[in-house]
Protein backbone atom coordinates (compact mmCIF):
# COMPACT_ATOMS: atom_id res chain seq x y z
CA UNK A 1 -84.50 -76.81 46.36
CA UNK A 2 -87.01 -74.40 46.56
CA UNK A 3 -87.06 -73.79 42.69
CA UNK A 4 -90.47 -74.84 42.15
CA UNK A 5 -92.10 -71.82 43.89
CA UNK A 6 -89.76 -69.45 42.11
CA UNK A 7 -90.79 -70.86 38.76
CA UNK A 8 -94.47 -70.57 39.56
CA UNK A 9 -93.99 -66.97 40.56
CA UNK A 10 -92.34 -66.20 37.21
CA UNK A 11 -95.07 -67.86 35.27
CA UNK A 12 -97.71 -65.78 37.18
CA UNK A 13 -95.87 -62.56 36.48
CA UNK A 14 -95.68 -63.37 32.74
CA UNK A 15 -99.39 -64.06 32.60
CA UNK A 16 -100.18 -60.84 34.43
CA UNK A 17 -98.04 -58.84 32.01
CA UNK A 18 -99.75 -60.41 29.03
CA UNK A 19 -103.23 -59.50 30.44
CA UNK A 20 -102.08 -55.94 31.07
CA UNK A 21 -100.85 -55.68 27.50
CA UNK A 22 -104.19 -56.83 26.20
CA UNK A 23 -106.04 -54.28 28.29
CA UNK A 24 -103.72 -51.49 27.13
CA UNK A 25 -104.26 -52.59 23.57
CA UNK A 26 -107.98 -52.02 24.04
CA UNK A 27 -107.30 -48.35 24.82
CA UNK A 28 -105.09 -47.69 21.79
CA UNK A 29 -106.07 -44.56 19.71
CA UNK A 30 -108.84 -44.97 17.00
CA UNK A 31 -109.34 -42.95 13.76
CA UNK A 32 -111.45 -39.81 14.37
CA UNK A 33 -115.01 -40.43 13.02
CA UNK A 34 -116.54 -38.23 10.30
CA UNK A 35 -119.14 -35.87 11.86
CA UNK A 36 -122.80 -36.57 10.89
CA UNK A 37 -124.59 -33.66 9.16
CA UNK A 38 -126.80 -31.56 11.43
CA UNK A 39 -130.58 -32.07 10.67
CA UNK A 40 -132.82 -28.95 10.00
CA UNK A 41 -135.99 -29.22 12.19
CA UNK A 42 -139.29 -27.98 10.68
CA UNK A 43 -141.81 -27.44 13.48
CA UNK A 44 -145.20 -29.05 12.98
CA UNK A 45 -147.91 -26.26 13.07
CA UNK A 46 -151.16 -26.81 14.96
CA UNK A 47 -154.13 -26.98 12.51
CA UNK A 48 -156.06 -23.63 12.06
CA UNK A 49 -159.64 -23.88 13.50
CA UNK A 50 -162.29 -22.44 11.12
CA UNK A 51 -165.72 -22.43 12.76
CA UNK A 52 -168.54 -23.73 10.65
CA UNK A 53 -170.69 -20.73 9.67
CA UNK A 54 -174.31 -20.70 10.86
CA UNK A 55 -176.76 -21.42 8.14
CA UNK A 56 -180.46 -20.64 8.15
CA UNK A 57 -182.60 -23.49 9.30
CA UNK A 58 -186.12 -24.22 10.40
CA UNK A 59 -186.79 -25.36 13.94
CA UNK A 60 -189.84 -26.20 15.98
CA UNK A 61 -190.42 -24.73 19.43
CA UNK A 62 -193.11 -25.93 21.82
CA UNK A 63 -194.45 -24.33 25.02
CA UNK A 64 -193.42 -27.41 27.05
CA UNK A 65 -189.82 -27.33 25.76
CA UNK A 66 -190.15 -30.45 23.66
CA UNK A 67 -189.21 -28.79 20.37
CA UNK A 68 -185.90 -28.72 18.55
CA UNK A 69 -184.77 -25.90 20.83
CA UNK A 70 -186.21 -25.74 24.35
CA UNK A 71 -187.25 -22.07 24.51
CA UNK A 72 -188.17 -19.31 22.14
CA UNK A 73 -185.58 -16.92 23.61
CA UNK A 74 -182.88 -19.55 23.11
CA UNK A 75 -183.98 -20.19 19.55
CA UNK A 76 -183.79 -16.49 18.70
CA UNK A 77 -180.30 -16.28 20.21
CA UNK A 78 -178.94 -19.38 18.48
CA UNK A 79 -180.37 -19.28 14.99
CA UNK A 80 -178.70 -17.71 11.98
CA UNK A 81 -180.18 -14.87 10.01
CA UNK A 82 -182.88 -16.07 7.65
CA UNK A 83 -184.03 -18.91 9.90
CA UNK A 84 -187.60 -19.87 10.64
CA UNK A 85 -189.11 -20.71 14.02
CA UNK A 86 -192.31 -22.75 13.94
CA UNK A 87 -194.34 -22.40 17.11
CA UNK A 88 -196.72 -25.05 18.29
CA UNK A 89 -200.09 -23.96 19.61
CA UNK A 90 -200.13 -22.67 23.16
CA UNK A 91 -198.87 -19.72 25.19
CA UNK A 92 -195.21 -18.75 25.40
CA UNK A 93 -194.58 -16.75 28.57
CA UNK A 94 -191.28 -14.95 28.04
CA UNK A 95 -189.04 -13.89 30.93
CA UNK A 96 -187.67 -11.06 28.80
CA UNK A 97 -188.25 -9.30 25.51
CA UNK A 98 -187.36 -11.10 22.31
CA UNK A 99 -184.57 -8.90 20.94
CA UNK A 100 -184.03 -9.61 17.26
CA UNK A 101 -181.27 -7.99 15.19
CA UNK A 102 -181.30 -10.04 12.00
CA UNK A 103 -183.72 -11.53 9.51
CA UNK A 104 -186.05 -14.06 11.09
CA UNK A 105 -189.43 -15.67 10.58
CA UNK A 106 -191.59 -16.62 13.55
CA UNK A 107 -194.69 -18.54 12.58
CA UNK A 108 -197.42 -19.72 14.91
CA UNK A 109 -200.46 -21.88 14.35
CA UNK A 110 -202.83 -18.88 14.23
CA UNK A 111 -203.51 -15.79 16.31
CA UNK A 112 -206.32 -17.55 18.17
CA UNK A 113 -204.22 -20.54 19.26
CA UNK A 114 -200.60 -19.35 19.54
CA UNK A 115 -199.72 -16.52 21.94
CA UNK A 116 -196.50 -14.91 23.13
CA UNK A 117 -196.69 -12.87 26.32
CA UNK A 118 -194.21 -10.85 28.34
CA UNK A 119 -194.14 -8.37 31.21
CA UNK A 120 -190.71 -7.01 30.30
CA UNK A 121 -190.98 -3.20 30.01
CA UNK A 122 -189.42 -3.42 26.55
CA UNK A 123 -192.44 -5.29 25.29
CA UNK A 124 -192.92 -8.74 23.85
CA UNK A 125 -190.74 -8.39 20.76
CA UNK A 126 -188.29 -5.75 19.56
CA UNK A 127 -186.85 -6.03 16.06
CA UNK A 128 -184.15 -3.48 15.27
CA UNK A 129 -182.84 -4.73 11.96
CA UNK A 130 -181.14 -4.90 9.62
CA UNK A 131 -182.90 -7.46 7.51
CA UNK A 132 -186.50 -8.57 7.51
CA UNK A 133 -188.87 -9.79 10.16
CA UNK A 134 -191.82 -12.06 9.35
CA UNK A 135 -194.48 -12.64 11.98
CA UNK A 136 -197.38 -14.94 11.30
CA UNK A 137 -200.19 -16.59 13.22
CA UNK A 138 -199.36 -15.22 16.68
CA UNK A 139 -201.06 -13.18 19.40
CA UNK A 140 -198.51 -10.77 20.92
CA UNK A 141 -199.82 -9.74 24.33
CA UNK A 142 -197.99 -7.32 26.60
CA UNK A 143 -198.81 -7.97 30.28
CA UNK A 144 -196.54 -5.48 32.00
CA UNK A 145 -197.49 -2.45 34.08
CA UNK A 146 -194.82 -0.08 32.75
CA UNK A 147 -195.32 1.81 29.49
CA UNK A 148 -194.52 -0.13 26.35
CA UNK A 149 -195.79 -1.19 22.99
CA UNK A 150 -196.53 -4.86 22.57
CA UNK A 151 -194.18 -5.08 19.56
CA UNK A 152 -191.72 -2.64 17.97
CA UNK A 153 -190.14 -2.93 14.54
CA UNK A 154 -187.42 -0.53 13.39
CA UNK A 155 -185.09 -0.18 10.42
CA UNK A 156 -186.04 -3.24 8.46
CA UNK A 157 -188.48 -4.92 6.17
CA UNK A 158 -191.51 -6.53 7.73
CA UNK A 159 -194.38 -8.84 6.91
CA UNK A 160 -197.06 -9.36 9.52
CA UNK A 161 -199.86 -11.76 8.78
CA UNK A 162 -202.69 -13.20 10.88
CA UNK A 163 -201.40 -11.69 14.11
CA UNK A 164 -203.02 -9.98 17.10
CA UNK A 165 -201.46 -7.18 19.15
CA UNK A 166 -202.86 -6.21 22.53
CA UNK A 167 -202.00 -4.81 25.93
CA UNK A 168 -199.84 -1.79 25.02
CA UNK A 169 -199.50 0.51 28.06
CA UNK A 170 -199.44 4.32 27.80
CA UNK A 171 -197.63 6.71 30.13
CA UNK A 172 -200.17 9.51 30.12
CA UNK A 173 -197.86 12.01 31.82
CA UNK A 174 -194.96 11.52 29.41
CA UNK A 175 -197.19 10.71 26.41
CA UNK A 176 -195.20 7.68 25.44
CA UNK A 177 -195.88 4.04 24.68
CA UNK A 178 -199.14 2.20 24.50
CA UNK A 179 -199.32 0.92 20.91
CA UNK A 180 -200.10 -2.59 19.86
CA UNK A 181 -197.52 -2.50 17.06
CA UNK A 182 -195.10 0.35 16.43
CA UNK A 183 -193.17 0.46 13.15
CA UNK A 184 -190.61 3.26 12.99
CA UNK A 185 -187.48 4.81 11.52
CA UNK A 186 -187.06 3.23 8.05
CA UNK A 187 -188.42 0.16 6.37
CA UNK A 188 -190.94 -1.21 3.93
CA UNK A 189 -193.47 -3.88 4.62
CA UNK A 190 -197.01 -5.11 4.94
CA UNK A 191 -199.56 -6.06 7.55
CA UNK A 192 -202.30 -8.48 6.52
CA UNK A 193 -205.28 -10.07 8.23
CA UNK A 194 -204.29 -8.86 11.69
CA UNK A 195 -206.14 -7.67 14.78
CA UNK A 196 -205.24 -4.73 17.03
CA UNK A 197 -207.29 -4.60 20.21
CA UNK A 198 -207.31 -3.01 23.66
CA UNK A 199 -204.08 -1.05 23.49
CA UNK A 200 -203.96 2.15 25.52
CA UNK A 201 -202.82 4.28 22.58
CA UNK A 202 -202.93 3.30 18.89
CA UNK A 203 -203.56 -0.18 17.65
CA UNK A 204 -200.96 0.25 14.89
CA UNK A 205 -198.64 3.28 14.66
CA UNK A 206 -196.48 3.90 11.57
CA UNK A 207 -193.70 6.47 12.10
CA UNK A 208 -190.78 8.25 10.47
CA UNK A 209 -190.00 7.14 6.88
CA UNK A 210 -191.75 3.79 6.96
CA UNK A 211 -193.72 2.64 3.91
CA UNK A 212 -196.54 0.25 4.81
CA UNK A 213 -199.35 -1.67 3.14
CA UNK A 214 -202.15 -2.55 5.56
CA UNK A 215 -204.88 -4.85 4.30
CA UNK A 216 -207.85 -6.70 5.75
CA UNK A 217 -207.08 -5.78 9.36
CA UNK A 218 -209.33 -5.04 12.34
CA UNK A 219 -208.68 -2.24 14.83
CA UNK A 220 -210.93 -2.03 17.85
CA UNK A 221 -211.17 -0.69 21.39
CA UNK A 222 -207.83 1.12 21.40
CA UNK A 223 -207.21 4.16 23.62
CA UNK A 224 -206.54 6.57 20.77
CA UNK A 225 -206.79 5.74 17.06
CA UNK A 226 -207.09 2.30 15.59
CA UNK A 227 -204.43 3.04 12.95
CA UNK A 228 -202.26 6.16 12.79
CA UNK A 229 -199.55 7.31 10.36
CA UNK A 230 -197.02 9.92 11.57
CA UNK A 231 -194.06 12.00 10.41
CA UNK A 232 -193.12 11.29 6.77
CA UNK A 233 -194.52 7.80 6.60
CA UNK A 234 -196.50 6.65 3.57
CA UNK A 235 -198.95 3.87 3.13
CA UNK A 236 -201.96 2.18 1.60
CA UNK A 237 -204.78 0.89 3.79
CA UNK A 238 -207.34 -1.44 2.22
CA UNK A 239 -210.36 -3.51 3.21
CA UNK A 240 -209.88 -2.87 6.92
CA UNK A 241 -212.24 -2.07 9.80
CA UNK A 242 -211.74 0.26 12.75
CA UNK A 243 -214.32 0.62 15.51
CA UNK A 244 -214.90 1.50 19.14
CA UNK A 245 -211.62 3.38 19.47
CA UNK A 246 -211.49 6.28 21.91
CA UNK A 247 -210.45 8.74 19.22
CA UNK A 248 -210.44 8.03 15.50
CA UNK A 249 -210.71 4.91 13.46
CA UNK A 250 -207.99 5.92 10.97
CA UNK A 251 -205.68 8.94 11.26
CA UNK A 252 -202.87 10.65 9.34
CA UNK A 253 -200.57 13.14 11.08
CA UNK A 254 -197.32 15.03 10.54
CA UNK A 255 -196.29 14.95 6.86
CA UNK A 256 -197.57 11.45 6.21
CA UNK A 257 -199.28 10.53 2.96
CA UNK A 258 -201.78 7.68 2.98
CA UNK A 259 -204.36 6.18 0.63
CA UNK A 260 -207.45 4.53 2.11
CA UNK A 261 -209.52 2.20 -0.03
CA UNK A 262 -212.68 0.28 0.87
CA UNK A 263 -212.34 0.56 4.64
CA UNK A 264 -215.02 0.90 7.32
CA UNK A 265 -214.86 3.08 10.45
CA UNK A 266 -217.71 3.08 12.93
CA UNK A 267 -218.60 3.86 16.53
CA UNK A 268 -215.32 5.63 17.26
CA UNK A 269 -215.50 8.29 19.97
CA UNK A 270 -214.19 11.05 17.71
CA UNK A 271 -213.95 10.53 13.94
CA UNK A 272 -214.03 7.72 11.45
CA UNK A 273 -211.20 9.11 9.30
CA UNK A 274 -209.16 12.19 10.24
CA UNK A 275 -206.15 14.05 8.83
CA UNK A 276 -203.97 16.36 10.96
CA UNK A 277 -200.80 18.39 10.49
CA UNK A 278 -199.75 18.77 6.88
CA UNK A 279 -200.58 15.19 6.05
CA UNK A 280 -202.20 14.06 2.81
CA UNK A 281 -205.13 11.66 2.82
CA UNK A 282 -206.75 10.10 -0.22
CA UNK A 283 -209.90 8.15 0.60
CA UNK A 284 -211.87 6.14 -1.97
CA UNK A 285 -214.80 3.81 -1.43
CA UNK A 286 -214.80 3.95 2.38
CA UNK A 287 -217.66 4.03 4.90
CA UNK A 288 -217.87 6.01 8.13
CA UNK A 289 -220.94 5.65 10.29
CA UNK A 290 -222.15 5.93 13.88
CA UNK A 291 -219.02 7.83 14.97
CA UNK A 292 -219.46 10.10 17.99
CA UNK A 293 -218.31 13.21 16.14
CA UNK A 294 -217.93 13.22 12.34
CA UNK A 295 -217.28 10.61 9.70
CA UNK A 296 -214.46 12.17 7.64
CA UNK A 297 -212.51 15.14 9.03
CA UNK A 298 -209.60 17.31 7.86
CA UNK A 299 -207.84 19.55 10.40
CA UNK A 300 -204.88 21.92 10.67
CA UNK A 301 -203.11 22.17 7.25
CA UNK A 302 -203.91 18.74 5.91
CA UNK A 303 -204.91 18.09 2.30
CA UNK A 304 -207.58 15.51 1.64
CA UNK A 305 -209.27 13.96 -1.37
CA UNK A 306 -212.53 12.03 -0.95
CA UNK A 307 -213.98 9.95 -3.79
CA UNK A 308 -217.06 7.71 -3.67
CA UNK A 309 -217.20 7.44 0.12
CA UNK A 310 -220.30 7.14 2.30
CA UNK A 311 -220.84 8.85 5.66
CA UNK A 312 -224.04 8.33 7.63
CA UNK A 313 -225.48 8.29 11.11
CA UNK A 314 -222.53 10.19 12.60
CA UNK A 315 -223.41 12.43 15.55
CA UNK A 316 -221.99 15.57 13.93
CA UNK A 317 -221.21 15.87 10.22
CA UNK A 318 -220.56 13.34 7.53
CA UNK A 319 -217.59 15.28 6.08
CA UNK A 320 -215.99 18.26 7.86
CA UNK A 321 -212.98 20.51 7.19
CA UNK A 322 -211.51 22.85 9.79
CA UNK A 323 -208.59 25.26 10.22
CA UNK A 324 -206.59 25.87 7.03
CA UNK A 325 -207.25 22.54 5.38
CA UNK A 326 -207.97 21.87 1.74
CA UNK A 327 -210.38 19.14 0.67
CA UNK A 328 -211.78 17.92 -2.61
CA UNK A 329 -214.82 15.69 -2.51
CA UNK A 330 -216.24 13.92 -5.56
CA UNK A 331 -219.10 11.45 -5.82
CA UNK A 332 -219.62 10.99 -2.08
CA UNK A 333 -222.85 10.47 -0.16
CA UNK A 334 -223.57 11.94 3.27
CA UNK A 335 -226.88 11.29 4.98
CA UNK A 336 -228.70 11.04 8.29
CA UNK A 337 -225.88 12.75 10.19
CA UNK A 338 -226.55 14.70 13.40
CA UNK A 339 -225.47 18.11 12.07
CA UNK A 340 -224.46 18.59 8.43
CA UNK A 341 -223.70 16.43 5.46
CA UNK A 342 -220.64 18.42 4.32
CA UNK A 343 -219.11 21.24 6.37
CA UNK A 344 -216.22 23.70 6.11
CA UNK A 345 -215.12 26.07 8.89
CA UNK A 346 -212.36 28.47 9.89
CA UNK A 347 -210.10 29.07 6.87
CA UNK A 348 -210.77 25.72 5.25
CA UNK A 349 -211.27 25.37 1.52
CA UNK A 350 -213.60 22.75 0.13
CA UNK A 351 -214.29 21.83 -3.50
CA UNK A 352 -217.29 19.55 -3.98
CA UNK A 353 -218.31 17.80 -7.17
CA UNK A 354 -221.26 15.51 -7.81
CA UNK A 355 -221.93 14.68 -4.18
CA UNK A 356 -225.26 13.89 -2.53
CA UNK A 357 -226.25 15.11 0.92
CA UNK A 358 -229.64 14.22 2.30
CA UNK A 359 -231.67 13.69 5.46
CA UNK A 360 -229.10 15.38 7.68
CA UNK A 361 -230.38 17.13 10.78
CA UNK A 362 -229.28 20.62 9.72
CA UNK A 363 -227.69 21.49 6.37
CA UNK A 364 -226.67 19.47 3.38
CA UNK A 365 -223.64 21.72 2.73
CA UNK A 366 -222.54 24.29 5.30
CA UNK A 367 -219.71 26.83 5.15
CA UNK A 368 -218.90 29.03 8.16
CA UNK A 369 -216.22 31.15 9.80
CA UNK A 370 -214.26 32.48 6.82
CA UNK A 371 -214.15 29.16 5.04
CA UNK A 372 -214.60 28.79 1.29
CA UNK A 373 -216.89 26.17 -0.21
CA UNK A 374 -217.53 25.67 -3.87
CA UNK A 375 -218.34 23.10 -6.47
CA UNK A 376 -220.73 21.81 -9.06
CA UNK A 377 -223.15 18.99 -9.69
CA UNK A 378 -224.05 18.53 -6.03
CA UNK A 379 -227.45 17.57 -4.62
CA UNK A 380 -228.97 18.45 -1.25
CA UNK A 381 -232.40 17.20 -0.32
CA UNK A 382 -234.61 16.42 2.65
CA UNK A 383 -232.25 18.07 5.12
CA UNK A 384 -233.63 19.48 8.38
CA UNK A 385 -232.67 23.09 7.59
CA UNK A 386 -231.04 24.11 4.31
CA UNK A 387 -229.64 22.46 1.27
CA UNK A 388 -226.65 24.83 0.97
CA UNK A 389 -225.76 27.46 3.57
CA UNK A 390 -222.99 30.02 4.21
CA UNK A 391 -222.65 32.08 7.37
CA UNK A 392 -220.13 33.76 9.67
CA UNK A 393 -218.02 35.38 6.92
CA UNK A 394 -217.85 32.22 4.82
CA UNK A 395 -217.95 32.24 1.02
CA UNK A 396 -219.83 29.80 -1.16
CA UNK A 397 -219.90 29.31 -4.93
CA UNK A 398 -222.17 26.66 -6.43
CA UNK A 399 -222.85 25.74 -10.04
CA UNK A 400 -225.32 23.29 -11.51
CA UNK A 401 -226.51 22.11 -8.10
CA UNK A 402 -229.89 20.86 -6.89
CA UNK A 403 -231.55 21.74 -3.58
CA UNK A 404 -234.99 20.31 -2.99
CA UNK A 405 -237.44 19.26 -0.31
CA UNK A 406 -235.34 20.75 2.49
CA UNK A 407 -237.22 21.86 5.61
CA UNK A 408 -236.20 25.52 5.24
CA UNK A 409 -234.30 26.91 2.25
CA UNK A 410 -232.61 25.46 -0.78
CA UNK A 411 -229.72 27.99 -0.74
CA UNK A 412 -229.15 30.34 2.21
CA UNK A 413 -226.54 33.06 2.78
CA UNK A 414 -226.62 34.41 6.35
CA UNK A 415 -224.75 36.77 8.65
CA UNK A 416 -221.96 38.50 6.73
CA UNK A 417 -221.24 35.63 4.37
CA UNK A 418 -221.39 35.69 0.59
CA UNK A 419 -222.79 33.16 -1.85
CA UNK A 420 -222.80 32.95 -5.63
CA UNK A 421 -225.08 30.43 -7.33
CA UNK A 422 -225.56 29.87 -11.04
CA UNK A 423 -227.32 27.33 -13.23
CA UNK A 424 -228.81 25.61 -10.19
CA UNK A 425 -232.27 24.61 -9.08
CA UNK A 426 -234.15 25.01 -5.80
CA UNK A 427 -237.56 23.43 -5.60
CA UNK A 428 -240.16 22.02 -3.23
CA UNK A 429 -238.39 23.44 -0.18
CA UNK A 430 -240.66 24.04 2.80
CA UNK A 431 -239.78 27.73 3.01
CA UNK A 432 -238.06 29.41 0.07
CA UNK A 433 -235.67 28.48 -2.69
CA UNK A 434 -232.98 31.17 -2.15
CA UNK A 435 -232.41 33.24 1.02
CA UNK A 436 -230.11 36.10 1.95
CA UNK A 437 -230.20 37.44 5.52
CA UNK A 438 -228.08 39.32 8.03
CA UNK A 439 -225.44 41.27 6.13
CA UNK A 440 -224.96 38.55 3.55
CA UNK A 441 -224.59 39.11 -0.16
CA UNK A 442 -226.03 36.69 -2.71
CA UNK A 443 -225.29 36.74 -6.42
CA UNK A 444 -227.61 34.61 -8.55
CA UNK A 445 -227.48 33.85 -12.27
CA UNK A 446 -229.39 31.43 -14.49
CA UNK A 447 -231.08 29.60 -11.63
CA UNK A 448 -234.52 28.06 -11.31
CA UNK A 449 -236.61 28.37 -8.14
CA UNK A 450 -239.98 26.72 -8.22
CA UNK A 451 -242.70 24.99 -6.25
CA UNK A 452 -241.30 26.20 -2.92
CA UNK A 453 -243.89 26.64 -0.17
CA UNK A 454 -243.13 30.34 0.34
CA UNK A 455 -240.98 32.32 -2.10
CA UNK A 456 -238.60 31.64 -4.92
CA UNK A 457 -236.10 34.31 -3.77
CA UNK A 458 -236.24 36.09 -0.40
CA UNK A 459 -234.00 38.65 1.36
CA UNK A 460 -234.12 39.79 5.01
CA UNK A 461 -232.26 42.12 7.36
CA UNK A 462 -229.50 44.16 5.71
CA UNK A 463 -228.61 41.59 3.12
CA UNK A 464 -228.03 42.26 -0.56
CA UNK A 465 -229.34 40.05 -3.33
CA UNK A 466 -228.38 40.43 -6.99
CA UNK A 467 -230.29 38.19 -9.39
CA UNK A 468 -229.88 38.05 -13.16
CA UNK A 469 -231.47 35.73 -15.72
CA UNK A 470 -233.20 33.53 -13.15
CA UNK A 471 -236.67 32.01 -13.15
CA UNK A 472 -239.13 31.88 -10.24
CA UNK A 473 -242.39 30.08 -10.77
CA UNK A 474 -245.15 28.18 -9.03
CA UNK A 475 -244.01 29.27 -5.58
CA UNK A 476 -246.70 29.42 -2.90
CA UNK A 477 -246.32 33.09 -1.89
CA UNK A 478 -243.98 35.20 -3.99
CA UNK A 479 -241.57 34.86 -6.82
CA UNK A 480 -239.30 37.46 -5.18
CA UNK A 481 -239.66 38.81 -1.62
CA UNK A 482 -237.59 41.61 -0.01
CA UNK A 483 -238.12 42.46 3.66
CA UNK A 484 -236.68 44.60 6.45
CA UNK A 485 -233.67 46.65 5.26
CA UNK A 486 -232.56 44.32 2.52
CA UNK A 487 -231.61 45.49 -0.95
CA UNK A 488 -232.06 43.66 -4.21
CA UNK A 489 -231.25 44.13 -7.85
CA UNK A 490 -233.26 41.97 -10.24
CA UNK A 491 -232.57 42.13 -13.95
CA UNK A 492 -233.71 39.98 -16.85
CA UNK A 493 -235.50 37.42 -14.70
CA UNK A 494 -238.68 35.53 -15.49
CA UNK A 495 -241.26 35.47 -12.68
CA UNK A 496 -244.57 33.76 -13.22
CA UNK A 497 -247.41 31.77 -11.73
CA UNK A 498 -246.53 32.65 -8.13
CA UNK A 499 -248.75 34.24 -5.50
CA UNK A 500 -247.24 37.67 -6.21
CA UNK A 501 -244.46 38.26 -8.69
CA UNK A 502 -242.38 40.68 -6.56
CA UNK A 503 -243.21 41.73 -3.00
CA UNK A 504 -241.06 44.61 -1.64
CA UNK A 505 -241.79 45.32 2.05
CA UNK A 506 -240.67 47.12 5.21
CA UNK A 507 -237.67 49.42 4.57
CA UNK A 508 -236.21 47.39 1.77
CA UNK A 509 -235.13 48.75 -1.60
CA UNK A 510 -235.29 47.01 -4.97
CA UNK A 511 -234.17 47.63 -8.51
CA UNK A 512 -236.51 45.71 -10.82
CA UNK A 513 -235.36 46.05 -14.40
CA UNK A 514 -236.11 44.28 -17.68
CA UNK A 515 -237.88 41.33 -16.10
CA UNK A 516 -240.73 39.33 -17.56
CA UNK A 517 -243.49 39.08 -14.94
CA UNK A 518 -246.69 37.25 -15.82
CA UNK A 519 -249.60 35.08 -14.72
CA UNK A 520 -249.10 35.58 -11.01
CA UNK A 521 -252.17 35.07 -8.82
CA UNK A 522 -251.93 38.51 -7.21
CA UNK A 523 -250.06 41.49 -8.62
CA UNK A 524 -246.95 41.48 -10.71
CA UNK A 525 -245.11 43.87 -8.32
CA UNK A 526 -246.21 44.87 -4.80
CA UNK A 527 -244.41 47.67 -2.92
CA UNK A 528 -245.60 48.19 0.66
CA UNK A 529 -244.94 49.78 4.04
CA UNK A 530 -241.87 52.04 3.76
CA UNK A 531 -240.23 50.15 0.92
CA UNK A 532 -238.97 51.82 -2.23
CA UNK A 533 -238.35 50.44 -5.71
CA UNK A 534 -236.96 51.46 -9.06
CA UNK A 535 -239.20 49.68 -11.58
CA UNK A 536 -237.88 50.04 -15.08
CA UNK A 537 -238.40 48.48 -18.52
CA UNK A 538 -240.25 45.38 -17.36
CA UNK A 539 -242.90 43.40 -19.23
CA UNK A 540 -245.76 42.74 -16.81
CA UNK A 541 -248.63 40.75 -18.25
CA UNK A 542 -251.66 38.69 -17.36
CA UNK A 543 -251.42 38.93 -13.58
CA UNK A 544 -254.75 38.48 -11.80
CA UNK A 545 -254.52 41.79 -9.96
CA UNK A 546 -252.45 44.87 -10.75
CA UNK A 547 -249.36 45.07 -12.89
CA UNK A 548 -247.87 46.95 -9.93
CA UNK A 549 -249.31 48.31 -6.71
CA UNK A 550 -247.94 50.69 -4.01
CA UNK A 551 -249.29 50.50 -0.45
CA UNK A 552 -248.84 52.45 2.77
CA UNK A 553 -246.02 55.02 2.59
CA UNK A 554 -243.99 53.22 -0.02
CA UNK A 555 -242.28 55.07 -2.84
CA UNK A 556 -240.38 54.50 -6.03
CA UNK A 557 -239.71 55.39 -9.64
CA UNK A 558 -241.67 53.70 -12.35
CA UNK A 559 -240.65 54.17 -15.99
CA UNK A 560 -240.46 52.39 -19.31
CA UNK A 561 -242.60 49.44 -18.33
CA UNK A 562 -245.04 47.59 -20.59
CA UNK A 563 -248.18 46.14 -19.02
CA UNK A 564 -251.03 44.13 -20.52
CA UNK A 565 -253.73 41.70 -19.52
CA UNK A 566 -253.60 42.61 -15.82
CA UNK A 567 -256.70 43.56 -13.79
CA UNK A 568 -255.13 47.02 -13.27
CA UNK A 569 -252.08 48.74 -14.58
CA UNK A 570 -250.41 50.89 -11.87
CA UNK A 571 -252.33 51.04 -8.59
CA UNK A 572 -251.40 53.53 -5.82
CA UNK A 573 -252.97 53.02 -2.38
CA UNK A 574 -252.85 54.69 1.04
CA UNK A 575 -250.11 57.36 1.34
CA UNK A 576 -247.76 55.84 -1.19
CA UNK A 577 -245.77 58.36 -3.28
CA UNK A 578 -244.16 56.68 -6.27
CA UNK A 579 -242.90 58.78 -9.16
CA UNK A 580 -244.55 57.56 -12.32
CA UNK A 581 -242.73 58.17 -15.56
CA UNK A 582 -243.59 57.10 -19.06
CA UNK A 583 -245.00 53.59 -19.11
CA UNK A 584 -247.34 51.59 -21.31
CA UNK A 585 -249.51 50.28 -18.50
CA UNK A 586 -253.22 50.79 -19.13
């Protein structure tokens, strides 16, 4: 009776069993899958960063920062080697020195309109290479108080054009700094059309092994020299001007070797051109005038060659050599200088060829203090003292020279100097043609001495004069005149148309041998006072008074002479005691 519930229960159980079977079937074992191959992973590399190399470029910089790069310092730091910076007109006031270590060109609008200034103690610009620096159209002005040059260039090539350098400060205690432009160490380059002014030391200083060409530049009002070469530097300087510097206009020092062509140096407080140390200077076609000392000067052991230069209106000499220098001067002119035209002193050696020296206050050519002066073809005229003079142990040797219209003597050897002169002329001098005095010795051959106001040849003091094959004529007093204790030997000379032919006076002694003596206005030979003479084998003719006359207590030996046409033959006066040998002197 209750079947129906039992049946329902069975049906439910069957359905539950069937569902369980289905669920179990879903968990029945599957076939094991084939394993997938393992993939090899290749990592992706980050791309390598290669910076773009700097390339040279040209940029514009302006004082107000409106250029391609705001400031000059920034432009120098950023630009590649070989770049060019174009500067607008105006003043660039730098907070620190421009330090440049690669090739660069900085070009302004002109030195009168573009300026770079700095007070940094390292100066306005410092180029230390390698490479080349080009500076154009800029005024570099150092405004600091500490010592510095305005610009320094070292170890590189350089070209400077249309620039000005000023304001270099010198440490006077340490002797450092103060140049407008310093170029040092090594390098080759040129400086054109530039101006160096108001630096406390040199305007331009070239040092070490630098090789420089300087052309058409102006150096003025610098504290030492306008331009100076030092050490082993070499250079050529052309068409430039140096003035109002506190020392020299142009200078070479150390072992430098420099050629100067067509430059002008004036109103410098020492010299126009000067060489020091063992430097070598070659100067051609230059002018030096109105300098406070001399125009051209060689000192220490320098070696100098001067060709076709002009020196005038200098307060001392036109050309001067001191110490142990060696100079050679050819074709120069020296005039209106305050002391001498050409001068050597100390142990200097000077060789002079075809120069002219005139209207100088003292001598045309002067050698003193053990120096040696020689040469040929030189002229000396209208000088305040002598044409050519040696004194103070100096030695002079002159050939084929002219000395005329000088206020004293044409050729003069004084003190204990020595002079040799041959084939030269001395005429129209206001005293005598040739003079020896002091303890000097003078050796004369084949010279002419004429139309001098006093004598052709004259000796004073204890000097010695030896004259052979010379002529003395038309002199106002005597052809030959010996005075005081001088000694003279005169052989084979021609003496005519003077006041007296020979006048031997005081305690002097003369040897007069084989001379031709004629047509003198007084006697052919006069011996007077205590003088003594050996008179031998002369031809003495047509003199207006005696052939020979002895006065006072004079003495001598007279033999082998031929006399004719004179007013008297041999005339003995007063207490004179000559020894008269065999003569033909009626």
